[in-house]
């Protein structure tokens, strides 16, 4: 964005529009001239640079245009103080010496400088140069990354749009494409939003944002966030923006602003570099989310935590959760709310209630409420927090969901035919094949006696396989040898197999190698040993 006092805009019939520059010969020449001043200013004082820019203004150019272009270029400059020592320390030393002597004449001043230079161990000339070298106009231009004139003008037009949106009461936009990045940034920037499916476009959405001036606090930070979202919108295949802009300089009147891709095509540059936004390297949108994720993962609930899951479709609305919890076919979503009002939460819960089979937890920061805090009613679980998202109520809710899901899955499995294939079929294998929890399978197969199979602990083993193992055990005396043989047959829990076949262990000491197996005098026929 540009400083607000450099915004160039015109109003007409209730509408406001930035005064965009065209990429004609004259304006390109102006951009090249200003760029040349910075390029030729390397190694010179900033004061000299500003003087040459003022000369351009004096030639009749709009000072807001000259200063706006200069502001964008200045961000690509590196300025440094030219001094042999710390300017602040130098001034303090001189002031201390001056207070002792109460210097009132040029001669006395020179004497003060001489004493101060001796204290600091530098020459009088170096001290004189250092005293005010950190003042803005005394800074030296050390480096500059120029832009082509057309790119500079496009970025200027884009910055005008961002600066205007900083004053928005609310904004609405639609777009096609790039929605993953748009939704990600809407969440990351902490914007209050509502989303609807676009008419006639299966991949399009319409998003409404509450503007910074509609909130009661943190308006500058929020306004900057809206401006930072603009690059992602403009990067879409097609887009349209409509906003309400409050102009305090005109008595607090509200004007309408509209723009679209066709209108601004070719005259704006919305690249990441243009918006002063580097590539995103952070995994979470806030420290609150990061702390919650670390706390949840360290708990070890068995639920898989996913960041930024798929958007949820609620009729014509689209909801974007922050996290999802997934386990054995069950899924719960979590939404962390920053700035909010009671109406905002009411609308969100209403949308959630319209989605069949969706379980969402909303956690709202009490300190960021922009209206009276109310305990809202609805199907969605709402948790209010301070500083950190509480883990306990979320874990409790997930346990309830898990228990309910296990019961539902078990009832469903009981009504389905379970066809076993192979000599050894584990309960875990059945659970994976059906996409259910192992506990659901355990509940469902209680009393289940499939023909030709025997339940042995956590698996079903065919009677033929058990008979084969039983024959191989003839003549085997040591327990360790028996367990190795059973494991080689493809069955993990050898102890349970031995028990099913009627074997018992005979201990002749504490060493495992000395334990023997012995078949009971009246062998039991294979049966369930769950």
Protein backbone atom coordinates (compact mmCIF):
# COMPACT_ATOMS: atom_id res chain seq x y z
CA UNK A 1 0.00 0.00 0.00
CA UNK A 2 0.86 3.68 -0.27
CA UNK A 3 0.55 6.16 2.60
CA UNK A 4 -3.09 7.32 2.78
CA UNK A 5 -2.12 10.94 2.00
CA UNK A 6 -0.77 9.82 -1.39
CA UNK A 7 -4.03 8.20 -2.51
CA UNK A 8 -5.26 9.76 -5.76
CA UNK A 9 -8.97 9.18 -6.32
CA UNK A 10 -11.98 10.87 -7.84
CA UNK A 11 -15.63 10.70 -6.80
CA UNK A 12 -18.70 11.02 -8.96
CA UNK A 13 -22.35 10.13 -8.39
CA UNK A 14 -21.72 8.15 -5.25
CA UNK A 15 -18.79 6.22 -6.68
CA UNK A 16 -15.07 6.49 -5.95
CA UNK A 17 -12.26 5.33 -8.18
CA UNK A 18 -8.47 5.54 -7.96
CA UNK A 19 -6.86 7.77 -10.58
CA UNK A 20 -4.92 5.08 -12.39
CA UNK A 21 -2.01 6.08 -14.60
CA UNK A 22 -1.97 4.98 -18.22
CA UNK A 23 1.11 3.40 -19.73
CA UNK A 24 1.56 6.12 -22.34
CA UNK A 25 4.83 7.64 -23.54
CA UNK A 26 4.77 10.62 -21.17
CA UNK A 27 4.01 8.61 -18.03
CA UNK A 28 6.57 5.96 -18.93
CA UNK A 29 9.13 8.73 -19.37
CA UNK A 30 8.27 10.12 -15.93
CA UNK A 31 8.69 6.67 -14.37
CA UNK A 32 12.05 6.24 -16.08
CA UNK A 33 13.20 9.68 -14.91
CA UNK A 34 12.31 8.97 -11.28
CA UNK A 35 13.97 5.55 -11.49
CA UNK A 36 17.07 7.25 -12.91
CA UNK A 37 17.25 9.60 -9.92
CA UNK A 38 17.42 6.61 -7.58
CA UNK A 39 19.85 4.75 -9.83
CA UNK A 40 22.21 7.74 -10.04
CA UNK A 41 21.83 8.44 -6.33
CA UNK A 42 23.83 5.42 -5.17
CA UNK A 43 26.61 6.71 -2.90
CA UNK A 44 24.84 10.01 -2.28
CA UNK A 45 22.89 11.41 0.67
CA UNK A 46 19.15 10.86 0.82
CA UNK A 47 18.70 14.61 1.14
CA UNK A 48 20.19 15.06 -2.35
CA UNK A 49 17.82 12.40 -3.66
CA UNK A 50 14.77 14.13 -2.16
CA UNK A 51 15.88 17.48 -3.57
CA UNK A 52 15.98 16.10 -7.13
CA UNK A 53 12.54 14.49 -6.65
CA UNK A 54 11.13 17.85 -5.49
CA UNK A 55 12.51 19.42 -8.66
CA UNK A 56 10.39 16.97 -10.66
CA UNK A 57 7.32 17.99 -8.65
CA UNK A 58 8.09 21.67 -9.34
CA UNK A 59 7.84 21.01 -13.07
CA UNK A 60 4.09 20.64 -12.75
CA UNK A 61 3.64 16.93 -12.11
CA UNK A 62 1.10 15.86 -9.48
CA UNK A 63 3.14 15.63 -6.29
CA UNK A 64 1.08 12.61 -5.14
CA UNK A 65 2.04 10.74 -8.31
CA UNK A 66 5.73 11.60 -8.01
CA UNK A 67 5.83 10.73 -4.32
CA UNK A 68 3.79 7.56 -4.84
CA UNK A 69 6.19 6.26 -7.49
CA UNK A 70 9.12 7.33 -5.31
CA UNK A 71 7.66 5.50 -2.30
CA UNK A 72 7.52 2.23 -4.26
CA UNK A 73 11.11 2.65 -5.43
CA UNK A 74 12.36 3.67 -2.00
CA UNK A 75 11.25 0.28 -0.67
CA UNK A 76 13.81 -1.23 -3.04
CA UNK A 77 16.63 0.89 -1.62
CA UNK A 78 19.20 0.22 1.08
CA UNK A 79 20.18 3.26 3.16
CA UNK A 80 22.95 3.31 5.76
CA UNK A 81 24.40 5.85 8.14
CA UNK A 82 27.95 6.90 7.22
CA UNK A 83 29.74 7.10 10.54
CA UNK A 84 32.82 5.86 12.33
CA UNK A 85 30.86 5.27 15.54
CA UNK A 86 27.34 5.18 16.92
CA UNK A 87 25.66 8.58 16.16
CA UNK A 88 23.54 8.40 19.34
CA UNK A 89 26.62 7.76 21.51
CA UNK A 90 28.46 10.61 19.77
CA UNK A 91 25.64 13.09 20.45
CA UNK A 92 25.39 12.06 24.10
CA UNK A 93 29.15 12.62 24.57
CA UNK A 94 29.02 16.06 22.94
CA UNK A 95 25.98 17.09 25.02
CA UNK A 96 27.76 15.99 28.21
CA UNK A 97 30.85 18.06 27.36
CA UNK A 98 28.70 21.03 26.33
CA UNK A 99 26.78 20.94 29.62
CA UNK A 100 30.06 21.18 31.53
CA UNK A 101 31.39 24.16 29.56
CA UNK A 102 28.09 25.92 28.80
CA UNK A 103 29.45 26.80 25.35
CA UNK A 104 27.93 29.95 23.81
CA UNK A 105 30.42 30.85 21.04
CA UNK A 106 31.88 29.11 17.95
CA UNK A 107 35.27 28.92 19.68
CA UNK A 108 33.76 27.27 22.75
CA UNK A 109 31.85 24.88 20.49
CA UNK A 110 35.07 23.81 18.78
CA UNK A 111 36.60 23.21 22.19
CA UNK A 112 33.64 20.98 23.16
CA UNK A 113 33.98 18.98 19.93
CA UNK A 114 37.70 18.59 20.52
CA UNK A 115 37.22 17.23 24.06
CA UNK A 116 34.44 14.89 22.93
CA UNK A 117 36.55 13.55 20.04
CA UNK A 118 39.39 12.79 22.44
CA UNK A 119 37.00 10.89 24.72
CA UNK A 120 35.71 8.85 21.80
CA UNK A 121 39.11 8.32 20.19
CA UNK A 122 38.19 9.77 16.77
CA UNK A 123 39.14 12.85 14.82
CA UNK A 124 37.09 16.05 15.07
CA UNK A 125 36.17 15.70 11.39
CA UNK A 126 34.84 12.15 11.89
CA UNK A 127 32.88 13.26 14.95
CA UNK A 128 31.32 16.18 13.03
CA UNK A 129 30.26 13.80 10.23
CA UNK A 130 28.88 11.29 12.72
CA UNK A 131 26.73 13.60 14.90
CA UNK A 132 23.68 13.65 12.66
CA UNK A 133 24.53 10.92 10.14
CA UNK A 134 21.49 8.84 11.17
CA UNK A 135 19.00 11.60 10.41
CA UNK A 136 16.94 10.57 7.39
CA UNK A 137 18.33 13.15 4.96
CA UNK A 138 21.92 12.29 5.94
CA UNK A 139 21.57 8.57 5.23
CA UNK A 140 23.60 7.26 2.28
CA UNK A 141 22.02 5.25 -0.54
CA UNK A 142 24.03 2.03 -0.65
CA UNK A 143 21.94 -0.16 -2.95
CA UNK A 144 18.96 0.00 -5.30
CA UNK A 145 16.99 -2.64 -7.24
CA UNK A 146 15.39 -0.83 -10.20
CA UNK A 147 12.14 -1.75 -11.97
CA UNK A 148 11.23 -1.40 -15.60
CA UNK A 149 9.05 1.67 -16.11
CA UNK A 150 5.95 -0.29 -17.19
CA UNK A 151 6.23 -2.61 -14.19
CA UNK A 152 6.59 0.37 -11.83
CA UNK A 153 3.45 2.01 -13.21
CA UNK A 154 1.45 -1.23 -12.94
CA UNK A 155 2.53 -1.67 -9.35
CA UNK A 156 1.59 1.92 -8.63
CA UNK A 157 -1.94 1.30 -9.95
CA UNK A 158 -2.20 -1.85 -7.86
CA UNK A 159 -1.00 -0.01 -4.74
CA UNK A 160 -3.66 2.67 -5.28
CA UNK A 161 -6.32 -0.05 -5.20
CA UNK A 162 -4.90 -1.53 -1.99
CA UNK A 163 -4.74 1.90 -0.36
CA UNK A 164 -8.38 2.60 -1.23
CA UNK A 165 -9.52 -0.76 0.16
CA UNK A 166 -7.78 0.06 3.44
CA UNK A 167 -10.69 2.47 4.03
CA UNK A 168 -13.40 -0.07 3.24
CA UNK A 169 -16.45 -0.72 5.42
CA UNK A 170 -17.05 -4.03 3.64
CA UNK A 171 -15.97 -5.73 0.45
CA UNK A 172 -17.49 -8.35 -1.80
CA UNK A 173 -15.65 -10.18 -4.55
CA UNK A 174 -16.13 -13.07 -6.91
CA UNK A 175 -13.49 -15.01 -8.77
CA UNK A 176 -12.77 -18.12 -10.81
CA UNK A 177 -9.66 -20.14 -10.10
CA UNK A 178 -6.95 -19.70 -7.44
CA UNK A 179 -9.46 -20.41 -4.68
CA UNK A 180 -7.11 -22.59 -2.68
CA UNK A 181 -4.75 -19.64 -2.22
CA UNK A 182 -7.59 -17.16 -1.71
CA UNK A 183 -9.26 -19.25 0.99
CA UNK A 184 -5.89 -19.90 2.63
CA UNK A 185 -5.11 -16.17 2.82
CA UNK A 186 -8.61 -15.25 3.99
CA UNK A 187 -8.04 -17.55 6.95
CA UNK A 188 -4.38 -16.66 7.49
CA UNK A 189 -5.11 -12.94 7.55
CA UNK A 190 -7.89 -13.39 10.13
CA UNK A 191 -10.64 -11.80 8.02
CA UNK A 192 -14.32 -12.00 8.94
CA UNK A 193 -15.96 -13.51 5.90
CA UNK A 194 -18.93 -15.32 4.44
CA UNK A 195 -18.77 -17.37 1.24
CA UNK A 196 -21.43 -18.42 -1.22
CA UNK A 197 -21.30 -20.60 -4.31
CA UNK A 198 -21.20 -18.48 -7.45
CA UNK A 199 -24.14 -18.61 -9.84
CA UNK A 200 -23.53 -20.39 -13.12
CA UNK A 201 -19.88 -21.20 -12.37
CA UNK A 202 -19.15 -24.61 -10.79
CA UNK A 203 -15.69 -23.44 -9.72
CA UNK A 204 -16.64 -19.91 -8.67
CA UNK A 205 -17.52 -18.36 -5.32
CA UNK A 206 -18.73 -15.03 -4.00
CA UNK A 207 -17.05 -13.82 -0.82
CA UNK A 208 -18.17 -11.01 1.51
CA UNK A 209 -15.67 -9.46 3.93
CA UNK A 210 -16.42 -7.15 6.83
CA UNK A 211 -14.08 -4.19 6.35
CA UNK A 212 -11.71 -2.68 8.91
CA UNK A 213 -13.91 0.34 9.57
CA UNK A 214 -16.87 -1.88 10.51
CA UNK A 215 -14.95 -3.15 13.55
CA UNK A 216 -14.42 -1.39 16.85
CA UNK A 217 -10.69 -1.96 17.23
CA UNK A 218 -7.51 -2.98 15.41
CA UNK A 219 -8.78 -1.27 12.24
CA UNK A 220 -5.32 -0.51 10.80
CA UNK A 221 -4.13 -4.09 11.15
CA UNK A 222 -7.40 -5.41 9.72
CA UNK A 223 -7.34 -2.93 6.85
CA UNK A 224 -3.84 -4.01 5.97
CA UNK A 225 -5.05 -7.63 5.93
CA UNK A 226 -7.77 -6.83 3.39
CA UNK A 227 -5.20 -5.05 1.22
CA UNK A 228 -2.89 -8.08 1.45
CA UNK A 229 -5.64 -10.36 0.14
CA UNK A 230 -5.94 -8.37 -3.10
CA UNK A 231 -2.97 -10.04 -4.89
CA UNK A 232 -4.61 -13.45 -4.62
CA UNK A 233 -7.93 -12.14 -5.94
CA UNK A 234 -6.33 -10.41 -8.92
CA UNK A 235 -4.27 -13.54 -9.65
CA UNK A 236 -7.51 -15.42 -10.48
CA UNK A 237 -8.56 -16.16 -14.04
CA UNK A 238 -11.41 -13.69 -13.71
CA UNK A 239 -12.52 -11.56 -10.78
CA UNK A 240 -14.75 -8.72 -9.70
CA UNK A 241 -14.58 -6.49 -6.60
CA UNK A 242 -17.23 -4.30 -5.03
CA UNK A 243 -16.54 -2.33 -1.84
CA UNK A 244 -18.02 0.42 0.31
CA UNK A 245 -15.40 3.09 1.05
CA UNK A 246 -15.66 5.57 3.94
CA UNK A 247 -14.03 8.95 3.16
CA UNK A 248 -13.58 10.97 6.33
CA UNK A 249 -12.12 13.86 4.36
CA UNK A 250 -15.55 14.31 2.75
CA UNK A 251 -17.58 14.42 5.92
CA UNK A 252 -17.67 10.67 6.48
CA UNK A 253 -19.54 9.87 3.28
CA UNK A 254 -19.65 6.30 1.97
CA UNK A 255 -18.86 5.70 -1.68
CA UNK A 256 -19.01 2.59 -3.83
CA UNK A 257 -15.94 1.17 -5.58
CA UNK A 258 -16.04 -1.48 -8.30
CA UNK A 259 -13.33 -3.08 -10.44
CA UNK A 260 -12.93 -6.25 -12.49
CA UNK A 261 -10.31 -8.21 -14.40
CA UNK A 262 -11.33 -6.93 -17.82
CA UNK A 263 -11.19 -3.28 -16.74
CA UNK A 264 -7.75 -3.43 -15.08
CA UNK A 265 -6.15 -6.01 -17.35
CA UNK A 266 -2.76 -4.80 -18.47
CA UNK A 267 -2.49 -1.81 -16.12
CA UNK A 268 -1.95 -3.50 -12.72
CA UNK A 269 0.76 -5.83 -11.45
CA UNK A 270 -0.40 -8.05 -8.60
CA UNK A 271 2.64 -10.28 -8.28
CA UNK A 272 3.74 -11.45 -4.85
CA UNK A 273 6.75 -9.15 -5.10
CA UNK A 274 4.50 -6.23 -5.96
CA UNK A 275 2.48 -6.70 -2.80
CA UNK A 276 5.51 -6.90 -0.51
CA UNK A 277 4.35 -10.41 0.40
CA UNK A 278 6.98 -13.12 0.19
CA UNK A 279 6.17 -16.82 -0.21
CA UNK A 280 4.41 -18.34 2.74
CA UNK A 281 6.74 -20.40 4.92
CA UNK A 282 4.63 -20.68 8.07
CA UNK A 283 2.57 -23.81 8.55
CA UNK A 284 -0.09 -22.22 10.76
CA UNK A 285 -2.01 -18.96 10.49
CA UNK A 286 -1.38 -17.92 14.08
CA UNK A 287 0.51 -18.86 17.23
CA UNK A 288 -2.84 -19.94 18.73
CA UNK A 289 -3.27 -22.56 16.01
CA UNK A 290 0.39 -23.65 16.24
CA UNK A 291 0.19 -24.13 20.02
CA UNK A 292 -3.06 -26.05 19.73
CA UNK A 293 -1.64 -28.37 17.04
CA UNK A 294 1.46 -29.12 19.14
CA UNK A 295 -0.65 -29.78 22.23
CA UNK A 296 -3.09 -32.04 20.37
CA UNK A 297 -0.41 -34.08 18.62
CA UNK A 298 1.50 -34.60 21.88
CA UNK A 299 -1.68 -35.94 23.55
CA UNK A 300 -1.71 -39.03 21.32
CA UNK A 301 -5.45 -39.43 20.84
CA UNK A 302 -5.12 -41.63 17.76
CA UNK A 303 -6.97 -39.05 15.65
CA UNK A 304 -5.18 -37.69 12.57
CA UNK A 305 -4.98 -33.89 12.60
CA UNK A 306 -5.08 -32.24 9.16
CA UNK A 307 -4.39 -28.57 8.42
CA UNK A 308 -6.69 -26.70 6.01
CA UNK A 309 -8.97 -29.57 4.93
CA UNK A 310 -11.36 -29.35 2.02
CA UNK A 311 -14.01 -26.56 1.96
CA UNK A 312 -17.47 -27.54 3.18
CA UNK A 313 -20.48 -26.86 0.98
CA UNK A 314 -23.52 -25.67 2.96
CA UNK A 315 -26.20 -25.15 0.34
CA UNK A 316 -24.99 -22.10 -1.57
CA UNK A 317 -22.42 -21.35 1.13
CA UNK A 318 -18.82 -22.49 1.45
CA UNK A 319 -17.15 -22.91 4.85
CA UNK A 320 -13.39 -23.20 5.30
CA UNK A 321 -12.35 -25.04 8.48
CA UNK A 322 -8.88 -24.61 10.00
CA UNK A 323 -8.42 -28.28 10.97
CA UNK A 324 -10.02 -31.67 10.62
CA UNK A 325 -9.73 -34.68 12.95
CA UNK A 326 -10.00 -38.05 11.21
CA UNK A 327 -10.15 -41.57 12.60
CA UNK A 328 -11.62 -44.81 11.23
CA UNK A 329 -14.10 -43.11 8.93
CA UNK A 330 -15.13 -40.45 11.47
CA UNK A 331 -14.33 -36.80 10.75
CA UNK A 332 -14.72 -33.68 12.89
CA UNK A 333 -13.83 -30.16 11.76
CA UNK A 334 -12.47 -27.30 13.86
CA UNK A 335 -12.76 -23.58 13.11
CA UNK A 336 -10.69 -21.02 15.03
CA UNK A 337 -12.43 -17.63 15.02
CA UNK A 338 -10.47 -14.40 15.43
CA UNK A 339 -12.41 -11.14 15.06
CA UNK A 340 -16.10 -11.91 15.53
CA UNK A 341 -19.52 -10.59 16.44
CA UNK A 342 -22.50 -12.50 17.83
CA UNK A 343 -24.28 -12.07 14.49
CA UNK A 344 -21.26 -13.51 12.72
CA UNK A 345 -21.23 -16.62 14.91
CA UNK A 346 -25.01 -16.99 14.61
CA UNK A 347 -24.72 -16.94 10.80
CA UNK A 348 -21.89 -19.45 10.86
CA UNK A 349 -23.76 -21.87 13.14
CA UNK A 350 -26.88 -21.54 11.00
CA UNK A 351 -24.87 -22.55 7.95
CA UNK A 352 -23.28 -25.45 9.81
CA UNK A 353 -26.68 -26.70 10.91
CA UNK A 354 -27.72 -26.88 7.26
CA UNK A 355 -24.95 -29.40 6.44
CA UNK A 356 -26.13 -32.94 7.02
CA UNK A 357 -23.68 -35.25 8.76
CA UNK A 358 -21.04 -32.56 9.43
CA UNK A 359 -19.59 -32.17 12.93
CA UNK A 360 -17.80 -28.85 13.52
CA UNK A 361 -16.25 -27.37 16.64
CA UNK A 362 -15.99 -23.56 16.77
CA UNK A 363 -13.45 -22.00 19.13
CA UNK A 364 -13.82 -18.23 19.56
CA UNK A 365 -11.35 -15.87 21.25
CA UNK A 366 -13.24 -13.92 23.93
CA UNK A 367 -10.72 -11.06 23.79
CA UNK A 368 -11.44 -10.44 20.08
CA UNK A 369 -15.21 -10.21 20.39
CA UNK A 370 -16.54 -7.09 18.68
CA UNK A 371 -19.96 -7.31 20.31
CA UNK A 372 -21.53 -8.54 23.53
CA UNK A 373 -20.51 -12.10 24.35
CA UNK A 374 -23.43 -14.51 24.23
CA UNK A 375 -23.66 -18.24 24.75
CA UNK A 376 -24.99 -19.33 21.39
CA UNK A 377 -27.29 -22.28 20.85
CA UNK A 378 -27.04 -24.65 17.95
CA UNK A 379 -25.84 -28.06 16.87
CA UNK A 380 -22.24 -26.87 16.54
CA UNK A 381 -20.05 -27.05 19.64
CA UNK A 382 -18.85 -23.52 20.52
CA UNK A 383 -15.86 -23.18 22.86
CA UNK A 384 -14.77 -19.75 24.12
CA UNK A 385 -11.13 -19.37 25.06
CA UNK A 386 -8.54 -16.93 26.32
CA UNK A 387 -4.95 -17.04 25.02
CA UNK A 388 -4.99 -20.80 24.30
CA UNK A 389 -7.54 -23.21 22.84
CA UNK A 390 -8.50 -25.65 25.65
CA UNK A 391 -7.68 -29.24 24.72
CA UNK A 392 -9.91 -31.05 27.24
CA UNK A 393 -13.39 -30.27 25.78
CA UNK A 394 -12.15 -31.09 22.28
CA UNK A 395 -10.71 -34.46 23.36
CA UNK A 396 -13.93 -35.25 25.23
CA UNK A 397 -15.99 -34.44 22.14
CA UNK A 398 -13.78 -36.62 19.95
CA UNK A 399 -14.14 -39.52 22.40
CA UNK A 400 -17.93 -39.16 22.24
CA UNK A 401 -17.82 -39.11 18.45
CA UNK A 402 -15.54 -42.14 18.40
CA UNK A 403 -17.76 -44.14 20.76
CA UNK A 404 -20.86 -43.26 18.76
CA UNK A 405 -19.14 -44.11 15.48
CA UNK A 406 -17.91 -47.45 16.79
CA UNK A 407 -21.43 -48.38 17.88
CA UNK A 408 -22.94 -47.37 14.52
CA UNK A 409 -20.29 -49.27 12.57
CA UNK A 410 -20.71 -52.38 14.74
CA UNK A 411 -24.49 -52.42 14.20
CA UNK A 412 -23.99 -52.01 10.47
CA UNK A 413 -21.43 -54.83 10.32
CA UNK A 414 -23.75 -57.17 12.19
CA UNK A 415 -26.24 -56.82 9.40
CA UNK A 416 -23.67 -57.49 6.69
CA UNK A 417 -22.33 -60.83 5.56
CA UNK A 418 -18.66 -61.20 6.42
CA UNK A 419 -16.98 -63.52 3.93
CA UNK A 420 -13.58 -64.73 5.11
CA UNK A 421 -10.86 -65.50 2.59
CA UNK A 422 -7.54 -67.14 3.35
CA UNK A 423 -6.24 -69.27 6.15
CA UNK A 424 -5.62 -66.36 8.56
CA UNK A 425 -7.88 -63.27 8.63
CA UNK A 426 -7.14 -60.64 11.29
CA UNK A 427 -9.73 -58.29 12.76
CA UNK A 428 -7.47 -55.41 11.74
CA UNK A 429 -7.58 -56.64 8.15
CA UNK A 430 -11.38 -56.75 8.22
CA UNK A 431 -11.46 -53.22 9.67
CA UNK A 432 -9.19 -51.85 6.94
CA UNK A 433 -11.19 -53.54 4.22
CA UNK A 434 -14.48 -52.11 5.53
CA UNK A 435 -13.02 -48.71 6.49
CA UNK A 436 -14.12 -49.00 10.09
CA UNK A 437 -12.52 -49.06 13.55
CA UNK A 438 -11.06 -52.34 14.86
CA UNK A 439 -13.19 -51.88 17.98
CA UNK A 440 -16.29 -51.89 15.74
CA UNK A 441 -15.22 -55.24 14.28
CA UNK A 442 -14.60 -56.67 17.76
CA UNK A 443 -18.12 -55.71 18.82
CA UNK A 444 -19.68 -56.98 15.59
CA UNK A 445 -18.07 -60.44 15.58
CA UNK A 446 -18.91 -61.37 19.16
CA UNK A 447 -20.59 -64.78 18.88
CA UNK A 448 -19.77 -64.94 15.16
CA UNK A 449 -18.83 -68.51 14.20
CA UNK A 450 -18.06 -68.69 10.49
CA UNK A 451 -18.11 -72.15 8.99
CA UNK A 452 -14.63 -73.70 8.73
CA UNK A 453 -12.94 -71.05 10.94
CA UNK A 454 -11.99 -70.68 14.57
CA UNK A 455 -11.69 -67.31 16.37
CA UNK A 456 -8.22 -67.14 17.97
CA UNK A 457 -7.74 -63.83 19.80
CA UNK A 458 -7.52 -61.06 17.13
CA UNK A 459 -7.94 -63.27 14.07
CA UNK A 460 -9.90 -66.08 12.45
CA UNK A 461 -7.88 -69.18 11.49
CA UNK A 462 -9.18 -71.87 9.19
CA UNK A 463 -9.65 -75.31 10.72
CA UNK A 464 -7.45 -76.70 7.96
CA UNK A 465 -4.63 -74.36 8.95
CA UNK A 466 -4.99 -75.27 12.61
CA UNK A 467 -4.89 -78.93 11.73
CA UNK A 468 -1.71 -78.38 9.69
CA UNK A 469 -0.05 -76.57 12.61
CA UNK A 470 -1.17 -79.28 15.03
CA UNK A 471 0.51 -81.97 12.89
CA UNK A 472 3.74 -79.97 12.68
CA UNK A 473 3.82 -79.64 16.45
CA UNK A 474 4.08 -83.42 16.89
CA UNK A 475 7.47 -84.15 18.40
CA UNK A 476 8.17 -80.48 19.24
CA UNK A 477 9.01 -80.13 22.94
CA UNK A 478 10.36 -76.62 23.55
CA UNK A 479 8.01 -73.62 23.63
CA UNK A 480 10.41 -71.41 21.69
CA UNK A 481 10.61 -73.92 18.83
CA UNK A 482 6.81 -74.19 18.75
CA UNK A 483 6.36 -70.41 18.61
CA UNK A 484 8.89 -70.10 15.76
CA UNK A 485 7.12 -72.78 13.77
CA UNK A 486 3.69 -71.19 14.30
CA UNK A 487 5.00 -67.76 13.29
CA UNK A 488 6.54 -69.27 10.15
CA UNK A 489 3.07 -70.56 9.32
CA UNK A 490 1.77 -66.98 9.13
CA UNK A 491 0.13 -66.69 12.56
CA UNK A 492 1.40 -64.02 14.96
CA UNK A 493 0.09 -64.97 18.40
CA UNK A 494 1.51 -68.48 18.86
CA UNK A 495 0.51 -68.68 22.53
CA UNK A 496 -3.20 -68.38 21.66
CA UNK A 497 -2.83 -71.00 18.91
CA UNK A 498 -1.22 -73.43 21.32
CA UNK A 499 -4.04 -72.83 23.78
CA UNK A 500 -6.63 -73.43 21.04
CA UNK A 501 -4.93 -76.71 20.13
CA UNK A 502 -4.95 -77.88 23.76
CA UNK A 503 -1.33 -77.31 24.65
CA UNK A 504 -0.05 -76.07 27.98
CA UNK A 505 3.35 -74.74 29.03
CA UNK A 506 5.53 -76.60 31.51
CA UNK A 507 8.09 -74.42 33.32
CA UNK A 508 11.22 -76.07 34.69
CA UNK A 509 12.92 -72.90 35.81
CA UNK A 510 12.98 -69.20 34.94
CA UNK A 511 14.73 -69.50 31.58
CA UNK A 512 12.55 -69.32 28.48
CA UNK A 513 14.61 -71.90 26.58
CA UNK A 514 13.77 -74.53 29.22
CA UNK A 515 9.96 -74.09 28.93
CA UNK A 516 8.30 -77.10 27.30
CA UNK A 517 4.88 -77.67 25.78
CA UNK A 518 2.62 -80.54 26.56
CA UNK A 519 -0.70 -81.50 25.08
CA UNK A 520 -3.44 -82.10 27.53
CA UNK A 521 -4.40 -85.73 27.98
CA UNK A 522 -7.80 -85.09 26.43
CA UNK A 523 -7.17 -82.66 23.57
CA UNK A 524 -9.81 -80.03 23.11
CA UNK A 525 -11.32 -79.71 19.67
CA UNK A 526 -10.58 -76.36 17.97
CA UNK A 527 -12.90 -73.72 19.33
CA UNK A 528 -13.18 -69.92 19.77
CA UNK A 529 -10.58 -68.58 22.20
CA UNK A 530 -11.31 -64.87 21.89
